[in-house]
């Protein structure tokens, strides 16, 4: 059996393939992906912050998030495992519609069941993420969310 840490690291590699079928196979059928309520990505894409089911999660990763983010670059800052829980700290850089840059730090808490992911709890700097989409402070504005952050 593959270790939970290896399951999660393999998942990140597979996410970049943008192959929804391969991505869905990483998750249990009843998997959940829970992000902060009202986060800027969900608002910009008119998307839920709580995805349920491997198909919905895979569709978001493979297709929907790329309506907002292109040229995505993920840099891991740390991967920590304890039993069936794996925590990934990362910095995501991407390009927003109109060519503006995006950068934010994220923390993902994965719960693994066997060789598949059962739950992901996503944490991010929602104020900074919202700032990218509202034009507050020094962050550039992005058009899709109409200034909602």
Foldseek 3Di string as FASTA:
>chain_A
DDALLVLVVVLVVVLVVLPLVVNLVQADQFAKEAEDPQFQQCLLLVHGRIDTGSNRVSCCSSPRSVLFWAPKDKDWPDWDDDHQKIKTKIWIWTAGPVGFIDIWIKIWIFGDDDSHTRYIYIYTDRVRRLCLCQVPDPHDHHPSNPNRD
